[in-house]
Amino acid sequence: MSGNRNVVVVAPVAGVLLGALDFVWIKYVPSPLGDLGNSLAVWAVAAFLLTYRFRWSTLVSVLGAIVCLVVAVPSYYLTANVIQNDDLSNTYNSVALMWMGFGVIAGTVFGAAGVLARDPLARGGRLLGTAALGMPGAVLFAEGVVQARRIGDPSYGTGDQLAYVAVVVTLGLAITLLVGRSWRQRGLALLCALPLTAIGYVLLSLTGFR
């Protein structure tokens, strides 16, 4: 249990860095890579990687992921205030609270997935562990589907949408290759990602992210 103690430092520091670097990324990195800064999926992947990397207990991992994502929201807006003098009320207005709410949900789901992926035999078995390994890729693929469905919409540039879809799909594949421990496991994780992508697309659509 002593390994849980560093969560009180790691989780909020990770949140501050995530929020601050996210704003800097959006402001200074050109599209389509810069568009990743506006990605709910990228924040979900950050929660997964946090609990996958640190060997905390399940409950502590989930709480740590939630803290990370919730802290990242005001950190993002505070960075915007420092860099471009945005209104400080953005740190606690209704939009910020909405993103914090998403942070609680994403932190719970992807924080738990990180634990399952890291230690499947102790937590839920090989099947759940493999499915968990597919979740970060799936949420990125789901965002790619959302973006792909905008192709042809006159409100969006076709070239921009195609470029961003390529970016999130590539990132999803790269994350799966990174967290998998063998080629067999990576392949199974990608197979699991297919139905998870459909579920993720539905959930993203329900949140209005489309």
N, C-alpha and C. Protein backbone atom coordinates (compact mmCIF):
# COMPACT_ATOMS: atom_id res chain seq x y z
N MET A 1 0.82 -1.22 0.00
CA MET A 1 0.00 0.00 0.00
C MET A 1 0.84 1.26 0.00
N SER A 2 2.11 1.15 0.40
CA SER A 2 2.95 2.34 0.47
C SER A 2 3.14 2.97 -0.90
N GLY A 3 3.02 2.13 -1.94
CA GLY A 3 3.16 2.66 -3.29
C GLY A 3 2.05 3.61 -3.67
N ASN A 4 0.94 3.59 -2.90
CA ASN A 4 -0.17 4.48 -3.19
C ASN A 4 0.11 5.92 -2.77
N ARG A 5 1.08 6.12 -1.90
CA ARG A 5 1.26 7.44 -1.28
C ARG A 5 1.62 8.52 -2.30
N ASN A 6 2.37 8.17 -3.33
CA ASN A 6 2.81 9.21 -4.25
C ASN A 6 1.70 9.73 -5.15
N VAL A 7 0.52 9.10 -5.08
CA VAL A 7 -0.60 9.57 -5.91
C VAL A 7 -1.00 11.00 -5.55
N VAL A 8 -0.79 11.39 -4.28
CA VAL A 8 -1.21 12.74 -3.85
C VAL A 8 -0.34 13.82 -4.51
N VAL A 9 0.82 13.43 -5.00
CA VAL A 9 1.68 14.37 -5.73
C VAL A 9 1.56 14.15 -7.24
N VAL A 10 1.64 12.88 -7.65
CA VAL A 10 1.69 12.56 -9.08
C VAL A 10 0.41 12.98 -9.80
N ALA A 11 -0.75 12.67 -9.24
CA ALA A 11 -2.01 12.93 -9.94
C ALA A 11 -2.26 14.43 -10.17
N PRO A 12 -2.17 15.28 -9.14
CA PRO A 12 -2.40 16.70 -9.41
C PRO A 12 -1.31 17.34 -10.28
N VAL A 13 -0.06 16.92 -10.11
CA VAL A 13 1.01 17.46 -10.96
C VAL A 13 0.77 17.06 -12.42
N ALA A 14 0.37 15.80 -12.63
CA ALA A 14 0.06 15.35 -13.98
C ALA A 14 -1.09 16.15 -14.56
N GLY A 15 -2.09 16.48 -13.73
CA GLY A 15 -3.21 17.28 -14.19
C GLY A 15 -2.80 18.69 -14.58
N VAL A 16 -1.97 19.31 -13.76
CA VAL A 16 -1.48 20.66 -14.08
C VAL A 16 -0.72 20.64 -15.40
N LEU A 17 0.16 19.66 -15.57
CA LEU A 17 0.94 19.56 -16.80
C LEU A 17 0.05 19.28 -18.01
N LEU A 18 -0.92 18.38 -17.84
CA LEU A 18 -1.82 18.05 -18.94
C LEU A 18 -2.58 19.28 -19.41
N GLY A 19 -3.17 20.02 -18.47
CA GLY A 19 -3.94 21.19 -18.84
C GLY A 19 -3.10 22.28 -19.48
N ALA A 20 -1.95 22.56 -18.87
CA ALA A 20 -1.08 23.63 -19.38
C ALA A 20 -0.51 23.28 -20.74
N LEU A 21 0.02 22.08 -20.87
CA LEU A 21 0.62 21.67 -22.15
C LEU A 21 -0.44 21.53 -23.23
N ASP A 22 -1.66 21.15 -22.84
CA ASP A 22 -2.73 21.04 -23.81
C ASP A 22 -3.03 22.39 -24.45
N PHE A 23 -3.10 23.44 -23.62
CA PHE A 23 -3.37 24.77 -24.18
C PHE A 23 -2.21 25.22 -25.07
N VAL A 24 -0.99 25.03 -24.60
CA VAL A 24 0.17 25.42 -25.39
C VAL A 24 0.19 24.66 -26.72
N TRP A 25 -0.16 23.39 -26.69
CA TRP A 25 -0.20 22.57 -27.90
C TRP A 25 -1.20 23.15 -28.91
N ILE A 26 -2.41 23.46 -28.42
CA ILE A 26 -3.44 24.01 -29.30
C ILE A 26 -2.98 25.33 -29.91
N LYS A 27 -2.36 26.16 -29.09
CA LYS A 27 -2.02 27.51 -29.53
C LYS A 27 -0.86 27.54 -30.53
N TYR A 28 0.10 26.64 -30.34
CA TYR A 28 1.34 26.78 -31.12
C TYR A 28 1.59 25.66 -32.14
N VAL A 29 0.89 24.55 -32.02
CA VAL A 29 1.11 23.45 -32.97
C VAL A 29 0.06 23.54 -34.08
N PRO A 30 0.48 23.54 -35.33
CA PRO A 30 -0.48 23.69 -36.44
C PRO A 30 -1.36 22.46 -36.62
N SER A 31 -2.49 22.66 -37.29
CA SER A 31 -3.40 21.58 -37.64
C SER A 31 -2.72 20.67 -38.68
N PRO A 32 -2.98 19.36 -38.69
CA PRO A 32 -3.98 18.65 -37.89
C PRO A 32 -3.48 18.18 -36.52
N LEU A 33 -2.15 18.19 -36.29
CA LEU A 33 -1.64 17.73 -35.00
C LEU A 33 -2.15 18.61 -33.87
N GLY A 34 -2.24 19.91 -34.11
CA GLY A 34 -2.71 20.82 -33.08
C GLY A 34 -4.12 20.54 -32.63
N ASP A 35 -4.92 19.92 -33.51
CA ASP A 35 -6.31 19.61 -33.16
C ASP A 35 -6.42 18.57 -32.06
N LEU A 36 -5.35 17.82 -31.82
CA LEU A 36 -5.37 16.84 -30.73
C LEU A 36 -5.59 17.50 -29.37
N GLY A 37 -5.24 18.78 -29.27
CA GLY A 37 -5.44 19.49 -28.01
C GLY A 37 -6.90 19.66 -27.65
N ASN A 38 -7.78 19.59 -28.64
CA ASN A 38 -9.22 19.70 -28.38
C ASN A 38 -9.89 18.34 -28.24
N SER A 39 -9.10 17.30 -28.10
CA SER A 39 -9.61 15.94 -28.14
C SER A 39 -9.94 15.41 -26.75
N LEU A 40 -11.20 15.06 -26.55
CA LEU A 40 -11.60 14.38 -25.32
C LEU A 40 -10.93 13.01 -25.23
N ALA A 41 -10.74 12.38 -26.38
CA ALA A 41 -10.10 11.06 -26.41
C ALA A 41 -8.67 11.11 -25.90
N VAL A 42 -7.94 12.15 -26.24
CA VAL A 42 -6.55 12.27 -25.80
C VAL A 42 -6.48 12.37 -24.28
N TRP A 43 -7.40 13.10 -23.68
CA TRP A 43 -7.42 13.19 -22.21
C TRP A 43 -7.76 11.84 -21.59
N ALA A 44 -8.65 11.08 -22.23
CA ALA A 44 -8.98 9.74 -21.73
C ALA A 44 -7.75 8.84 -21.80
N VAL A 45 -7.00 8.93 -22.88
CA VAL A 45 -5.77 8.15 -23.02
C VAL A 45 -4.75 8.55 -21.95
N ALA A 46 -4.70 9.84 -21.63
CA ALA A 46 -3.78 10.29 -20.57
C ALA A 46 -4.13 9.64 -19.24
N ALA A 47 -5.42 9.53 -18.93
CA ALA A 47 -5.84 8.87 -17.69
C ALA A 47 -5.44 7.40 -17.70
N PHE A 48 -5.62 6.75 -18.83
CA PHE A 48 -5.23 5.35 -18.96
C PHE A 48 -3.73 5.17 -18.73
N LEU A 49 -2.93 5.98 -19.40
CA LEU A 49 -1.47 5.85 -19.29
C LEU A 49 -0.98 6.14 -17.88
N LEU A 50 -1.66 7.05 -17.19
CA LEU A 50 -1.27 7.38 -15.81
C LEU A 50 -1.39 6.15 -14.91
N THR A 51 -2.55 5.48 -14.97
CA THR A 51 -2.75 4.33 -14.08
C THR A 51 -2.07 3.07 -14.61
N TYR A 52 -1.77 3.04 -15.89
CA TYR A 52 -1.01 1.93 -16.45
C TYR A 52 0.45 2.00 -16.00
N ARG A 53 0.94 3.22 -15.87
CA ARG A 53 2.35 3.43 -15.51
C ARG A 53 2.61 3.26 -14.02
N PHE A 54 1.71 3.76 -13.17
CA PHE A 54 1.95 3.73 -11.73
C PHE A 54 1.19 2.57 -11.09
N ARG A 55 1.86 1.87 -10.21
CA ARG A 55 1.31 0.65 -9.63
C ARG A 55 0.51 0.96 -8.37
N TRP A 56 -0.56 1.68 -8.54
CA TRP A 56 -1.47 1.97 -7.43
C TRP A 56 -2.57 0.91 -7.38
N SER A 57 -3.22 0.81 -6.24
CA SER A 57 -4.37 -0.07 -6.13
C SER A 57 -5.49 0.44 -7.05
N THR A 58 -6.49 -0.39 -7.27
CA THR A 58 -7.56 -0.03 -8.21
C THR A 58 -8.27 1.25 -7.81
N LEU A 59 -8.71 1.32 -6.56
CA LEU A 59 -9.45 2.51 -6.10
C LEU A 59 -8.58 3.75 -6.17
N VAL A 60 -7.34 3.65 -5.72
CA VAL A 60 -6.43 4.80 -5.75
C VAL A 60 -6.15 5.21 -7.20
N SER A 61 -6.01 4.24 -8.07
CA SER A 61 -5.77 4.54 -9.49
C SER A 61 -6.92 5.33 -10.09
N VAL A 62 -8.13 4.88 -9.82
CA VAL A 62 -9.31 5.57 -10.36
C VAL A 62 -9.40 6.99 -9.80
N LEU A 63 -9.21 7.13 -8.50
CA LEU A 63 -9.25 8.46 -7.90
C LEU A 63 -8.13 9.35 -8.46
N GLY A 64 -6.95 8.76 -8.66
CA GLY A 64 -5.84 9.53 -9.21
C GLY A 64 -6.13 10.00 -10.62
N ALA A 65 -6.73 9.13 -11.44
CA ALA A 65 -7.08 9.51 -12.81
C ALA A 65 -8.11 10.63 -12.82
N ILE A 66 -9.09 10.54 -11.92
CA ILE A 66 -10.12 11.58 -11.83
C ILE A 66 -9.49 12.91 -11.43
N VAL A 67 -8.65 12.88 -10.40
CA VAL A 67 -7.98 14.11 -9.95
C VAL A 67 -7.17 14.71 -11.09
N CYS A 68 -6.44 13.88 -11.81
CA CYS A 68 -5.62 14.37 -12.92
C CYS A 68 -6.47 15.12 -13.93
N LEU A 69 -7.57 14.52 -14.38
CA LEU A 69 -8.38 15.14 -15.43
C LEU A 69 -9.15 16.35 -14.92
N VAL A 70 -9.61 16.30 -13.68
CA VAL A 70 -10.35 17.45 -13.14
C VAL A 70 -9.41 18.64 -12.94
N VAL A 71 -8.23 18.40 -12.40
CA VAL A 71 -7.25 19.48 -12.19
C VAL A 71 -6.81 20.06 -13.54
N ALA A 72 -6.76 19.23 -14.56
CA ALA A 72 -6.30 19.69 -15.88
C ALA A 72 -7.20 20.80 -16.44
N VAL A 73 -8.47 20.79 -16.07
CA VAL A 73 -9.40 21.80 -16.63
C VAL A 73 -9.05 23.22 -16.18
N PRO A 74 -9.00 23.51 -14.87
CA PRO A 74 -8.60 24.87 -14.48
C PRO A 74 -7.17 25.19 -14.88
N SER A 75 -6.29 24.18 -14.92
CA SER A 75 -4.92 24.42 -15.36
C SER A 75 -4.90 24.92 -16.80
N TYR A 76 -5.74 24.35 -17.64
CA TYR A 76 -5.85 24.77 -19.03
C TYR A 76 -6.26 26.24 -19.12
N TYR A 77 -7.30 26.60 -18.38
CA TYR A 77 -7.81 27.97 -18.46
C TYR A 77 -6.88 28.98 -17.77
N LEU A 78 -6.19 28.55 -16.72
CA LEU A 78 -5.21 29.44 -16.10
C LEU A 78 -4.04 29.71 -17.05
N THR A 79 -3.64 28.70 -17.79
CA THR A 79 -2.58 28.89 -18.78
C THR A 79 -3.05 29.85 -19.87
N ALA A 80 -4.31 29.73 -20.26
CA ALA A 80 -4.86 30.66 -21.26
C ALA A 80 -4.87 32.08 -20.73
N ASN A 81 -5.13 32.23 -19.44
CA ASN A 81 -5.11 33.56 -18.83
C ASN A 81 -3.70 34.15 -18.84
N VAL A 82 -2.71 33.33 -18.54
CA VAL A 82 -1.32 33.80 -18.50
C VAL A 82 -0.82 34.14 -19.90
N ILE A 83 -1.13 33.30 -20.87
CA ILE A 83 -0.57 33.48 -22.21
C ILE A 83 -1.32 34.52 -23.03
N GLN A 84 -2.65 34.51 -22.95
CA GLN A 84 -3.40 35.44 -23.80
C GLN A 84 -4.47 36.22 -23.05
N ASN A 85 -4.31 36.27 -21.72
CA ASN A 85 -5.16 37.12 -20.89
C ASN A 85 -6.65 36.77 -20.99
N ASP A 86 -6.97 35.49 -21.12
CA ASP A 86 -8.37 35.06 -21.08
C ASP A 86 -8.95 35.33 -19.70
N ASP A 87 -10.25 35.43 -19.64
CA ASP A 87 -10.95 35.72 -18.39
C ASP A 87 -10.75 34.58 -17.39
N LEU A 88 -10.40 34.94 -16.15
CA LEU A 88 -10.20 33.93 -15.11
C LEU A 88 -11.48 33.18 -14.75
N SER A 89 -12.63 33.80 -15.04
CA SER A 89 -13.90 33.13 -14.73
C SER A 89 -14.07 31.85 -15.56
N ASN A 90 -13.28 31.71 -16.62
CA ASN A 90 -13.35 30.49 -17.43
C ASN A 90 -12.95 29.26 -16.63
N THR A 91 -12.21 29.45 -15.53
CA THR A 91 -11.76 28.31 -14.74
C THR A 91 -12.88 27.66 -13.95
N TYR A 92 -14.01 28.37 -13.80
CA TYR A 92 -15.10 27.79 -13.00
C TYR A 92 -16.47 28.02 -13.61
N ASN A 93 -16.55 28.46 -14.86
CA ASN A 93 -17.86 28.68 -15.47
C ASN A 93 -18.51 27.34 -15.86
N SER A 94 -19.67 27.41 -16.50
CA SER A 94 -20.43 26.19 -16.80
C SER A 94 -19.69 25.26 -17.76
N VAL A 95 -18.93 25.84 -18.69
CA VAL A 95 -18.17 25.01 -19.63
C VAL A 95 -17.08 24.25 -18.89
N ALA A 96 -16.37 24.95 -17.99
CA ALA A 96 -15.32 24.28 -17.21
C ALA A 96 -15.91 23.17 -16.35
N LEU A 97 -17.05 23.43 -15.73
CA LEU A 97 -17.69 22.40 -14.90
C LEU A 97 -18.12 21.20 -15.73
N MET A 98 -18.58 21.47 -16.96
CA MET A 98 -18.96 20.37 -17.84
C MET A 98 -17.75 19.50 -18.15
N TRP A 99 -16.60 20.15 -18.47
CA TRP A 99 -15.39 19.39 -18.77
C TRP A 99 -14.90 18.63 -17.54
N MET A 100 -15.06 19.22 -16.36
CA MET A 100 -14.70 18.49 -15.14
C MET A 100 -15.58 17.25 -14.97
N GLY A 101 -16.86 17.40 -15.31
CA GLY A 101 -17.76 16.25 -15.25
C GLY A 101 -17.32 15.15 -16.20
N PHE A 102 -16.93 15.52 -17.42
CA PHE A 102 -16.39 14.54 -18.35
C PHE A 102 -15.12 13.91 -17.78
N GLY A 103 -14.34 14.73 -17.06
CA GLY A 103 -13.11 14.22 -16.46
C GLY A 103 -13.37 13.15 -15.42
N VAL A 104 -14.44 13.32 -14.65
CA VAL A 104 -14.81 12.31 -13.65
C VAL A 104 -15.18 11.00 -14.34
N ILE A 105 -15.98 11.10 -15.40
CA ILE A 105 -16.41 9.89 -16.12
C ILE A 105 -15.22 9.21 -16.80
N ALA A 106 -14.45 10.00 -17.56
CA ALA A 106 -13.31 9.43 -18.28
C ALA A 106 -12.26 8.90 -17.32
N GLY A 107 -12.03 9.61 -16.21
CA GLY A 107 -11.06 9.15 -15.23
C GLY A 107 -11.46 7.83 -14.61
N THR A 108 -12.75 7.67 -14.34
CA THR A 108 -13.24 6.42 -13.77
C THR A 108 -13.05 5.25 -14.73
N VAL A 109 -13.51 5.44 -15.96
CA VAL A 109 -13.48 4.35 -16.95
C VAL A 109 -12.05 4.03 -17.37
N PHE A 110 -11.30 5.04 -17.76
CA PHE A 110 -9.97 4.78 -18.31
C PHE A 110 -8.92 4.59 -17.23
N GLY A 111 -9.17 5.15 -16.04
CA GLY A 111 -8.28 4.84 -14.92
C GLY A 111 -8.37 3.37 -14.55
N ALA A 112 -9.61 2.85 -14.50
CA ALA A 112 -9.80 1.43 -14.21
C ALA A 112 -9.23 0.56 -15.32
N ALA A 113 -9.38 1.01 -16.57
CA ALA A 113 -8.84 0.24 -17.70
C ALA A 113 -7.32 0.14 -17.63
N GLY A 114 -6.67 1.21 -17.21
CA GLY A 114 -5.23 1.18 -17.07
C GLY A 114 -4.76 0.14 -16.06
N VAL A 115 -5.53 0.00 -14.97
CA VAL A 115 -5.20 -1.00 -13.95
C VAL A 115 -5.38 -2.41 -14.51
N LEU A 116 -6.50 -2.65 -15.20
CA LEU A 116 -6.76 -3.97 -15.78
C LEU A 116 -5.71 -4.34 -16.81
N ALA A 117 -5.31 -3.36 -17.62
CA ALA A 117 -4.32 -3.63 -18.65
C ALA A 117 -2.95 -3.92 -18.05
N ARG A 118 -2.64 -3.26 -16.94
CA ARG A 118 -1.33 -3.43 -16.31
C ARG A 118 -1.23 -4.75 -15.58
N ASP A 119 -2.30 -5.19 -14.93
CA ASP A 119 -2.24 -6.36 -14.06
C ASP A 119 -3.48 -7.21 -14.26
N PRO A 120 -3.67 -7.79 -15.45
CA PRO A 120 -4.92 -8.47 -15.77
C PRO A 120 -5.21 -9.70 -14.91
N LEU A 121 -4.19 -10.50 -14.61
CA LEU A 121 -4.43 -11.74 -13.86
C LEU A 121 -4.91 -11.45 -12.45
N ALA A 122 -4.40 -10.39 -11.84
CA ALA A 122 -4.78 -10.06 -10.47
C ALA A 122 -6.10 -9.32 -10.41
N ARG A 123 -6.51 -8.68 -11.52
CA ARG A 123 -7.67 -7.78 -11.45
C ARG A 123 -8.93 -8.34 -12.10
N GLY A 124 -8.81 -8.98 -13.26
CA GLY A 124 -10.05 -9.38 -13.91
C GLY A 124 -9.89 -10.48 -14.95
N GLY A 125 -8.70 -11.03 -15.11
CA GLY A 125 -8.49 -12.09 -16.08
C GLY A 125 -7.93 -11.57 -17.39
N ARG A 126 -7.46 -12.51 -18.20
CA ARG A 126 -6.79 -12.14 -19.46
C ARG A 126 -7.73 -11.45 -20.43
N LEU A 127 -8.98 -11.91 -20.51
CA LEU A 127 -9.92 -11.33 -21.47
C LEU A 127 -10.17 -9.86 -21.17
N LEU A 128 -10.46 -9.56 -19.91
CA LEU A 128 -10.68 -8.16 -19.54
C LEU A 128 -9.41 -7.34 -19.71
N GLY A 129 -8.28 -7.94 -19.40
CA GLY A 129 -7.02 -7.23 -19.56
C GLY A 129 -6.74 -6.88 -21.01
N THR A 130 -7.02 -7.83 -21.91
CA THR A 130 -6.80 -7.57 -23.33
C THR A 130 -7.76 -6.51 -23.85
N ALA A 131 -9.03 -6.59 -23.41
CA ALA A 131 -10.00 -5.57 -23.80
C ALA A 131 -9.58 -4.20 -23.30
N ALA A 132 -9.05 -4.16 -22.08
CA ALA A 132 -8.60 -2.89 -21.51
C ALA A 132 -7.44 -2.31 -22.33
N LEU A 133 -6.57 -3.19 -22.82
CA LEU A 133 -5.46 -2.72 -23.66
C LEU A 133 -5.98 -2.09 -24.96
N GLY A 134 -7.14 -2.51 -25.39
CA GLY A 134 -7.71 -1.96 -26.61
C GLY A 134 -8.46 -0.66 -26.42
N MET A 135 -8.69 -0.25 -25.17
CA MET A 135 -9.53 0.92 -24.93
C MET A 135 -8.93 2.25 -25.36
N PRO A 136 -7.65 2.52 -25.10
CA PRO A 136 -7.12 3.80 -25.58
C PRO A 136 -7.15 3.93 -27.09
N GLY A 137 -6.84 2.82 -27.80
CA GLY A 137 -6.96 2.86 -29.25
C GLY A 137 -8.40 3.06 -29.69
N ALA A 138 -9.32 2.38 -29.00
CA ALA A 138 -10.74 2.45 -29.38
C ALA A 138 -11.30 3.85 -29.25
N VAL A 139 -10.95 4.55 -28.19
CA VAL A 139 -11.51 5.89 -28.02
C VAL A 139 -10.97 6.85 -29.07
N LEU A 140 -9.72 6.64 -29.48
CA LEU A 140 -9.17 7.45 -30.56
C LEU A 140 -9.81 7.09 -31.90
N PHE A 141 -10.02 5.80 -32.13
CA PHE A 141 -10.70 5.37 -33.37
C PHE A 141 -12.13 5.92 -33.41
N ALA A 142 -12.79 5.92 -32.25
CA ALA A 142 -14.15 6.44 -32.19
C ALA A 142 -14.19 7.92 -32.56
N GLU A 143 -13.19 8.66 -32.07
CA GLU A 143 -13.12 10.07 -32.44
C GLU A 143 -12.86 10.20 -33.95
N GLY A 144 -12.07 9.29 -34.49
CA GLY A 144 -11.84 9.30 -35.92
C GLY A 144 -13.12 9.08 -36.71
N VAL A 145 -13.99 8.18 -36.21
CA VAL A 145 -15.28 7.95 -36.86
C VAL A 145 -16.14 9.21 -36.82
N VAL A 146 -16.14 9.88 -35.66
CA VAL A 146 -16.89 11.13 -35.53
C VAL A 146 -16.43 12.13 -36.58
N GLN A 147 -15.13 12.26 -36.71
CA GLN A 147 -14.58 13.22 -37.66
C GLN A 147 -14.85 12.79 -39.11
N ALA A 148 -14.75 11.49 -39.38
CA ALA A 148 -14.97 10.99 -40.73
C ALA A 148 -16.40 11.26 -41.19
N ARG A 149 -17.34 11.20 -40.27
CA ARG A 149 -18.74 11.44 -40.64
C ARG A 149 -19.00 12.90 -41.00
N ARG A 150 -18.03 13.77 -40.71
CA ARG A 150 -18.17 15.17 -41.08
C ARG A 150 -17.70 15.43 -42.52
N ILE A 151 -17.04 14.45 -43.11
CA ILE A 151 -16.54 14.64 -44.46
C ILE A 151 -17.73 14.85 -45.41
N GLY A 152 -17.65 15.89 -46.20
CA GLY A 152 -18.76 16.23 -47.09
C GLY A 152 -19.66 17.31 -46.54
N ASP A 153 -19.57 17.54 -45.22
CA ASP A 153 -20.34 18.62 -44.61
C ASP A 153 -19.68 19.94 -45.00
N PRO A 154 -20.43 20.87 -45.61
CA PRO A 154 -19.82 22.13 -46.05
C PRO A 154 -19.27 22.98 -44.91
N SER A 155 -19.65 22.67 -43.68
CA SER A 155 -19.14 23.42 -42.53
C SER A 155 -17.70 23.03 -42.19
N TYR A 156 -17.23 21.91 -42.75
CA TYR A 156 -15.89 21.42 -42.43
C TYR A 156 -15.12 21.19 -43.72
N GLY A 157 -13.82 21.46 -43.68
CA GLY A 157 -12.97 21.21 -44.84
C GLY A 157 -12.66 19.73 -44.96
N THR A 158 -12.89 19.17 -46.14
CA THR A 158 -12.67 17.74 -46.34
C THR A 158 -11.21 17.35 -46.09
N GLY A 159 -10.29 18.14 -46.59
CA GLY A 159 -8.87 17.85 -46.39
C GLY A 159 -8.49 17.86 -44.93
N ASP A 160 -9.02 18.83 -44.19
CA ASP A 160 -8.71 18.92 -42.75
C ASP A 160 -9.24 17.71 -42.01
N GLN A 161 -10.46 17.28 -42.34
CA GLN A 161 -11.05 16.12 -41.67
C GLN A 161 -10.28 14.85 -41.97
N LEU A 162 -9.91 14.66 -43.23
CA LEU A 162 -9.15 13.47 -43.60
C LEU A 162 -7.81 13.43 -42.89
N ALA A 163 -7.15 14.58 -42.81
CA ALA A 163 -5.85 14.64 -42.14
C ALA A 163 -5.98 14.30 -40.66
N TYR A 164 -7.02 14.82 -40.02
CA TYR A 164 -7.18 14.57 -38.58
C TYR A 164 -7.56 13.12 -38.33
N VAL A 165 -8.40 12.55 -39.18
CA VAL A 165 -8.74 11.13 -39.04
C VAL A 165 -7.48 10.28 -39.12
N ALA A 166 -6.60 10.61 -40.07
CA ALA A 166 -5.34 9.87 -40.20
C ALA A 166 -4.49 10.00 -38.94
N VAL A 167 -4.49 11.18 -38.34
CA VAL A 167 -3.70 11.41 -37.13
C VAL A 167 -4.22 10.56 -35.97
N VAL A 168 -5.53 10.59 -35.71
CA VAL A 168 -6.05 9.86 -34.54
C VAL A 168 -5.98 8.35 -34.74
N VAL A 169 -6.18 7.88 -35.97
CA VAL A 169 -6.06 6.45 -36.22
C VAL A 169 -4.61 6.00 -36.02
N THR A 170 -3.68 6.77 -36.53
CA THR A 170 -2.26 6.44 -36.35
C THR A 170 -1.88 6.45 -34.88
N LEU A 171 -2.37 7.44 -34.16
CA LEU A 171 -2.08 7.52 -32.72
C LEU A 171 -2.70 6.34 -31.98
N GLY A 172 -3.91 5.95 -32.35
CA GLY A 172 -4.55 4.80 -31.73
C GLY A 172 -3.77 3.52 -31.94
N LEU A 173 -3.27 3.33 -33.16
CA LEU A 173 -2.44 2.16 -33.44
C LEU A 173 -1.13 2.20 -32.65
N ALA A 174 -0.53 3.39 -32.58
CA ALA A 174 0.74 3.54 -31.88
C ALA A 174 0.59 3.26 -30.39
N ILE A 175 -0.48 3.75 -29.78
CA ILE A 175 -0.71 3.51 -28.35
C ILE A 175 -0.89 2.03 -28.09
N THR A 176 -1.63 1.34 -28.96
CA THR A 176 -1.85 -0.10 -28.78
C THR A 176 -0.54 -0.86 -28.89
N LEU A 177 0.29 -0.49 -29.84
CA LEU A 177 1.60 -1.13 -29.98
C LEU A 177 2.48 -0.86 -28.76
N LEU A 178 2.34 0.34 -28.20
CA LEU A 178 3.16 0.73 -27.05
C LEU A 178 2.81 -0.07 -25.80
N VAL A 179 1.52 -0.23 -25.52
CA VAL A 179 1.11 -0.86 -24.26
C VAL A 179 1.08 -2.37 -24.34
N GLY A 180 0.99 -2.93 -25.55
CA GLY A 180 0.98 -4.39 -25.68
C GLY A 180 2.34 -4.97 -25.36
N ARG A 181 2.33 -6.17 -24.81
CA ARG A 181 3.59 -6.81 -24.41
C ARG A 181 4.08 -7.83 -25.43
N SER A 182 3.22 -8.22 -26.37
CA SER A 182 3.60 -9.15 -27.43
C SER A 182 2.76 -8.84 -28.65
N TRP A 183 3.20 -9.35 -29.81
CA TRP A 183 2.44 -9.09 -31.03
C TRP A 183 1.07 -9.76 -30.98
N ARG A 184 1.00 -10.92 -30.36
CA ARG A 184 -0.30 -11.59 -30.20
C ARG A 184 -1.24 -10.75 -29.37
N GLN A 185 -0.72 -10.24 -28.25
CA GLN A 185 -1.56 -9.43 -27.37
C GLN A 185 -1.99 -8.14 -28.07
N ARG A 186 -1.09 -7.53 -28.82
CA ARG A 186 -1.43 -6.31 -29.56
C ARG A 186 -2.52 -6.58 -30.60
N GLY A 187 -2.39 -7.71 -31.30
CA GLY A 187 -3.40 -8.06 -32.29
C GLY A 187 -4.76 -8.28 -31.66
N LEU A 188 -4.79 -9.00 -30.53
CA LEU A 188 -6.05 -9.24 -29.83
C LEU A 188 -6.64 -7.94 -29.30
N ALA A 189 -5.76 -7.06 -28.83
CA ALA A 189 -6.24 -5.77 -28.33
C ALA A 189 -6.89 -4.96 -29.45
N LEU A 190 -6.32 -5.00 -30.64
CA LEU A 190 -6.91 -4.30 -31.78
C LEU A 190 -8.24 -4.91 -32.18
N LEU A 191 -8.36 -6.24 -32.08
CA LEU A 191 -9.65 -6.89 -32.36
C LEU A 191 -10.70 -6.44 -31.34
N CYS A 192 -10.29 -6.38 -30.08
CA CYS A 192 -11.22 -5.92 -29.03
C CYS A 192 -11.60 -4.46 -29.25
N ALA A 193 -10.69 -3.70 -29.85
CA ALA A 193 -10.95 -2.28 -30.07
C ALA A 193 -12.08 -2.03 -31.06
N LEU A 194 -12.37 -3.01 -31.93
CA LEU A 194 -13.40 -2.80 -32.94
C LEU A 194 -14.79 -2.60 -32.33
N PRO A 195 -15.28 -3.54 -31.50
CA PRO A 195 -16.59 -3.27 -30.86
C PRO A 195 -16.53 -2.11 -29.88
N LEU A 196 -15.39 -1.93 -29.22
CA LEU A 196 -15.25 -0.81 -28.29
C LEU A 196 -15.31 0.53 -29.02
N THR A 197 -14.83 0.55 -30.26
CA THR A 197 -14.92 1.77 -31.06
C THR A 197 -16.37 2.14 -31.32
N ALA A 198 -17.19 1.13 -31.63
CA ALA A 198 -18.62 1.39 -31.86
C ALA A 198 -19.28 1.94 -30.60
N ILE A 199 -18.95 1.34 -29.46
CA ILE A 199 -19.51 1.83 -28.19
C ILE A 199 -19.03 3.25 -27.92
N GLY A 200 -17.74 3.49 -28.16
CA GLY A 200 -17.19 4.83 -27.93
C GLY A 200 -17.84 5.87 -28.82
N TYR A 201 -18.11 5.49 -30.06
CA TYR A 201 -18.76 6.43 -30.98
C TYR A 201 -20.14 6.82 -30.47
N VAL A 202 -20.89 5.83 -30.00
CA VAL A 202 -22.23 6.12 -29.47
C VAL A 202 -22.14 7.04 -28.27
N LEU A 203 -21.20 6.77 -27.37
CA LEU A 203 -21.05 7.59 -26.16
C LEU A 203 -20.61 9.01 -26.50
N LEU A 204 -19.67 9.13 -27.42
CA LEU A 204 -19.24 10.47 -27.84
C LEU A 204 -20.39 11.24 -28.48
N SER A 205 -21.23 10.53 -29.24
CA SER A 205 -22.37 11.18 -29.85
C SER A 205 -23.38 11.64 -28.80
N LEU A 206 -23.56 10.83 -27.75
CA LEU A 206 -24.50 11.19 -26.69
C LEU A 206 -24.03 12.43 -25.93
N THR A 207 -22.72 12.62 -25.85
CA THR A 207 -22.20 13.81 -25.15
C THR A 207 -22.29 15.07 -26.03
N GLY A 208 -22.68 14.87 -27.29
CA GLY A 208 -22.74 16.01 -28.20
C GLY A 208 -21.44 16.23 -28.92
N PHE A 209 -20.48 15.32 -28.74
CA PHE A 209 -19.18 15.45 -29.41
C PHE A 209 -19.30 14.84 -30.80
N ARG A 210 -19.76 15.63 -31.77
CA ARG A 210 -19.92 15.13 -33.13
C ARG A 210 -19.86 16.25 -34.11
